[in-house]
Amino acid sequence: MVAVGLGEPKHAAYFGPRLAPSVACLSWTTPEAHAAFGIGRVSLGSLARPGLASAAVRATMHGHVQGRATGDTGVLSGTFLIDTTGVIRFAHYARFPGDDPAIDDILAAAAALPFEVRS
């Protein structure tokens, strides 16, 4: 399993082992990888979505607060499960900052993949 983020390699090296120790964490300083997957950018409409406020409250309640931002802060997130043949088996495109899929949904999709998932 690989996580790809937008930031400097030192960010992946620092946060990866702490937040996702069993996941290889990579980072790019520019959003080419995000664009290749069709991941969008923050817009005025995305900032007006009702889910943004609840996502911010939920993150804060779990101790997640935004530090000093670096890089392109206008790129939204995406979550994908891609099988060993390159087929995307699960895709979630964020509609606003903090619009992440539930971990249970990701795990259920991973469990349904047609190959062995190892941690």
C-alpha atoms as a PDB file:
ATOM      1  CA  MET A   1       0.000   0.000   0.000  1.00  0.00           C
ATOM      2  CA  VAL A   2       1.279   3.447  -0.897  1.00  0.00           C
ATOM      3  CA  ALA A   3       0.137   6.899   0.177  1.00  0.00           C
ATOM      4  CA  VAL A   4       0.991   9.812  -2.084  1.00  0.00           C
ATOM      5  CA  GLY A   5       0.891  13.308  -0.689  1.00  0.00           C
ATOM      6  CA  LEU A   6       1.593  16.809  -1.790  1.00  0.00           C
ATOM      7  CA  GLY A   7       4.610  18.164   0.055  1.00  0.00           C
ATOM      8  CA  GLU A   8       8.321  17.765   0.469  1.00  0.00           C
ATOM      9  CA  PRO A   9       9.923  14.324   0.907  1.00  0.00           C
ATOM     10  CA  LYS A  10      10.870  15.282   4.473  1.00  0.00           C
ATOM     11  CA  HIS A  11       7.139  15.559   5.272  1.00  0.00           C
ATOM     12  CA  ALA A  12       6.488  11.999   4.080  1.00  0.00           C
ATOM     13  CA  ALA A  13       9.515  10.773   6.035  1.00  0.00           C
ATOM     14  CA  TYR A  14       8.330  12.498   9.204  1.00  0.00           C
ATOM     15  CA  PHE A  15       4.562  11.933   9.122  1.00  0.00           C
ATOM     16  CA  GLY A  16       4.386   8.585   7.321  1.00  0.00           C
ATOM     17  CA  PRO A  17       5.812   6.385  10.080  1.00  0.00           C
ATOM     18  CA  ARG A  18       3.779   8.218  12.729  1.00  0.00           C
ATOM     19  CA  LEU A  19       0.399   8.267  10.965  1.00  0.00           C
ATOM     20  CA  ALA A  20       0.562   5.168   8.764  1.00  0.00           C
ATOM     21  CA  PRO A  21       3.462   2.926   9.826  1.00  0.00           C
ATOM     22  CA  SER A  22       2.523   0.042   7.510  1.00  0.00           C
ATOM     23  CA  VAL A  23       2.088   2.248   4.442  1.00  0.00           C
ATOM     24  CA  ALA A  24       4.833   3.483   2.132  1.00  0.00           C
ATOM     25  CA  CYS A  25       4.466   7.268   2.039  1.00  0.00           C
ATOM     26  CA  LEU A  26       5.676   9.301  -0.932  1.00  0.00           C
ATOM     27  CA  SER A  27       5.368  12.973  -1.711  1.00  0.00           C
ATOM     28  CA  TRP A  28       5.683  15.351  -4.611  1.00  0.00           C
ATOM     29  CA  THR A  29       6.212  19.078  -4.331  1.00  0.00           C
ATOM     30  CA  THR A  30       4.001  19.731  -7.360  1.00  0.00           C
ATOM     31  CA  PRO A  31       0.499  18.358  -8.075  1.00  0.00           C
ATOM     32  CA  GLU A  32       1.218  16.344 -11.264  1.00  0.00           C
ATOM     33  CA  ALA A  33       0.303  13.007  -9.639  1.00  0.00           C
ATOM     34  CA  HIS A  34      -2.959  14.475  -8.351  1.00  0.00           C
ATOM     35  CA  ALA A  35      -3.774  15.947 -11.776  1.00  0.00           C
ATOM     36  CA  ALA A  36      -3.053  12.592 -13.454  1.00  0.00           C
ATOM     37  CA  PHE A  37      -5.834  11.049 -11.353  1.00  0.00           C
ATOM     38  CA  GLY A  38      -8.252  13.899 -12.070  1.00  0.00           C
ATOM     39  CA  ILE A  39      -8.160  15.273  -8.528  1.00  0.00           C
ATOM     40  CA  GLY A  40      -9.648  18.741  -8.430  1.00  0.00           C
ATOM     41  CA  ARG A  41      -8.815  21.996  -6.806  1.00  0.00           C
ATOM     42  CA  VAL A  42     -10.495  24.007  -4.076  1.00  0.00           C
ATOM     43  CA  SER A  43     -13.104  26.371  -5.473  1.00  0.00           C
ATOM     44  CA  LEU A  44     -15.468  28.879  -3.951  1.00  0.00           C
ATOM     45  CA  GLY A  45     -18.217  26.277  -4.372  1.00  0.00           C
ATOM     46  CA  SER A  46     -16.230  23.605  -2.529  1.00  0.00           C
ATOM     47  CA  LEU A  47     -15.673  25.982   0.377  1.00  0.00           C
ATOM     48  CA  ALA A  48     -19.426  26.614   0.611  1.00  0.00           C
ATOM     49  CA  ARG A  49     -20.376  22.940   0.970  1.00  0.00           C
ATOM     50  CA  PRO A  50     -22.118  22.096   4.256  1.00  0.00           C
ATOM     51  CA  GLY A  51     -19.797  19.161   4.957  1.00  0.00           C
ATOM     52  CA  LEU A  52     -16.747  21.402   5.248  1.00  0.00           C
ATOM     53  CA  ALA A  53     -17.696  22.765   8.679  1.00  0.00           C
ATOM     54  CA  SER A  54     -18.475  19.323  10.098  1.00  0.00           C
ATOM     55  CA  ALA A  55     -15.206  17.930   8.674  1.00  0.00           C
ATOM     56  CA  ALA A  56     -13.273  20.756  10.336  1.00  0.00           C
ATOM     57  CA  VAL A  57     -14.992  20.161  13.683  1.00  0.00           C
ATOM     58  CA  ARG A  58     -14.429  16.395  13.456  1.00  0.00           C
ATOM     59  CA  ALA A  59     -10.727  16.864  12.654  1.00  0.00           C
ATOM     60  CA  THR A  60     -10.259  19.346  15.491  1.00  0.00           C
ATOM     61  CA  MET A  61     -12.014  17.046  17.952  1.00  0.00           C
ATOM     62  CA  HIS A  62      -9.520  14.312  17.028  1.00  0.00           C
ATOM     63  CA  GLY A  63      -6.589  16.647  17.577  1.00  0.00           C
ATOM     64  CA  HIS A  64      -5.861  17.301  13.904  1.00  0.00           C
ATOM     65  CA  VAL A  65      -5.126  20.948  13.265  1.00  0.00           C
ATOM     66  CA  GLN A  66      -3.621  22.602  10.219  1.00  0.00           C
ATOM     67  CA  GLY A  67      -0.011  23.580  10.659  1.00  0.00           C
ATOM     68  CA  ARG A  68       1.909  25.888   8.403  1.00  0.00           C
ATOM     69  CA  ALA A  69       0.904  24.984   4.880  1.00  0.00           C
ATOM     70  CA  THR A  70       3.497  24.457   2.174  1.00  0.00           C
ATOM     71  CA  GLY A  71       3.196  23.815  -1.535  1.00  0.00           C
ATOM     72  CA  ASP A  72      -0.020  24.084  -3.521  1.00  0.00           C
ATOM     73  CA  THR A  73      -2.734  24.423  -0.878  1.00  0.00           C
ATOM     74  CA  GLY A  74      -5.486  24.508  -3.494  1.00  0.00           C
ATOM     75  CA  VAL A  75      -5.312  20.809  -4.373  1.00  0.00           C
ATOM     76  CA  LEU A  76      -8.071  18.607  -2.980  1.00  0.00           C
ATOM     77  CA  SER A  77      -7.475  14.996  -1.950  1.00  0.00           C
ATOM     78  CA  GLY A  78      -8.344  11.658  -3.438  1.00  0.00           C
ATOM     79  CA  THR A  79      -8.273   8.093  -2.143  1.00  0.00           C
ATOM     80  CA  PHE A  80      -7.796   5.143  -4.480  1.00  0.00           C
ATOM     81  CA  LEU A  81      -7.346   1.405  -4.235  1.00  0.00           C
ATOM     82  CA  ILE A  82      -5.617   0.087  -7.335  1.00  0.00           C
ATOM     83  CA  ASP A  83      -5.174  -3.627  -7.913  1.00  0.00           C
ATOM     84  CA  THR A  84      -1.984  -5.288  -9.113  1.00  0.00           C
ATOM     85  CA  THR A  85      -3.136  -5.017 -12.752  1.00  0.00           C
ATOM     86  CA  GLY A  86      -3.608  -1.241 -12.484  1.00  0.00           C
ATOM     87  CA  VAL A  87      -7.410  -1.264 -12.289  1.00  0.00           C
ATOM     88  CA  ILE A  88      -8.863   1.314  -9.900  1.00  0.00           C
ATOM     89  CA  ARG A  89     -11.158  -0.664  -7.585  1.00  0.00           C
ATOM     90  CA  PHE A  90     -12.116   2.172  -5.222  1.00  0.00           C
ATOM     91  CA  ALA A  91     -12.031   5.909  -5.818  1.00  0.00           C
ATOM     92  CA  HIS A  92     -13.064   8.797  -3.633  1.00  0.00           C
ATOM     93  CA  TYR A  93     -12.605  12.346  -4.908  1.00  0.00           C
ATOM     94  CA  ALA A  94     -12.821  14.995  -2.191  1.00  0.00           C
ATOM     95  CA  ARG A  95     -15.541  17.581  -2.840  1.00  0.00           C
ATOM     96  CA  PHE A  96     -14.058  19.952  -0.248  1.00  0.00           C
ATOM     97  CA  PRO A  97     -11.065  20.020   2.129  1.00  0.00           C
ATOM     98  CA  GLY A  98     -11.450  17.278   4.722  1.00  0.00           C
ATOM     99  CA  ASP A  99     -13.888  15.224   2.622  1.00  0.00           C
ATOM    100  CA  ASP A 100     -12.157  11.913   3.210  1.00  0.00           C
ATOM    101  CA  PRO A 101     -13.769   8.479   2.988  1.00  0.00           C
ATOM    102  CA  ALA A 102     -14.437   6.529   6.166  1.00  0.00           C
ATOM    103  CA  ILE A 103     -11.632   4.100   6.927  1.00  0.00           C
ATOM    104  CA  ASP A 104     -14.242   1.320   7.204  1.00  0.00           C
ATOM    105  CA  ASP A 105     -15.271   1.984   3.581  1.00  0.00           C
ATOM    106  CA  ILE A 106     -11.650   1.778   2.436  1.00  0.00           C
ATOM    107  CA  LEU A 107     -11.050  -1.445   4.380  1.00  0.00           C
ATOM    108  CA  ALA A 108     -14.258  -3.005   3.031  1.00  0.00           C
ATOM    109  CA  ALA A 109     -13.207  -2.150  -0.515  1.00  0.00           C
ATOM    110  CA  ALA A 110      -9.715  -3.563   0.128  1.00  0.00           C
ATOM    111  CA  ALA A 111     -11.204  -6.787   1.521  1.00  0.00           C
ATOM    112  CA  ALA A 112     -13.205  -7.211  -1.689  1.00  0.00           C
ATOM    113  CA  LEU A 113     -10.148  -6.883  -3.949  1.00  0.00           C
ATOM    114  CA  PRO A 114      -9.330  -9.954  -6.052  1.00  0.00           C
ATOM    115  CA  PHE A 115      -5.900 -10.452  -4.525  1.00  0.00           C
ATOM    116  CA  GLU A 116      -4.403 -10.947  -1.118  1.00  0.00           C
ATOM    117  CA  VAL A 117      -4.026  -7.779   0.905  1.00  0.00           C
ATOM    118  CA  ARG A 118      -0.999  -7.906   3.208  1.00  0.00           C
ATOM    119  CA  SER A 119      -0.088  -5.430   5.916  1.00  0.00           C
END
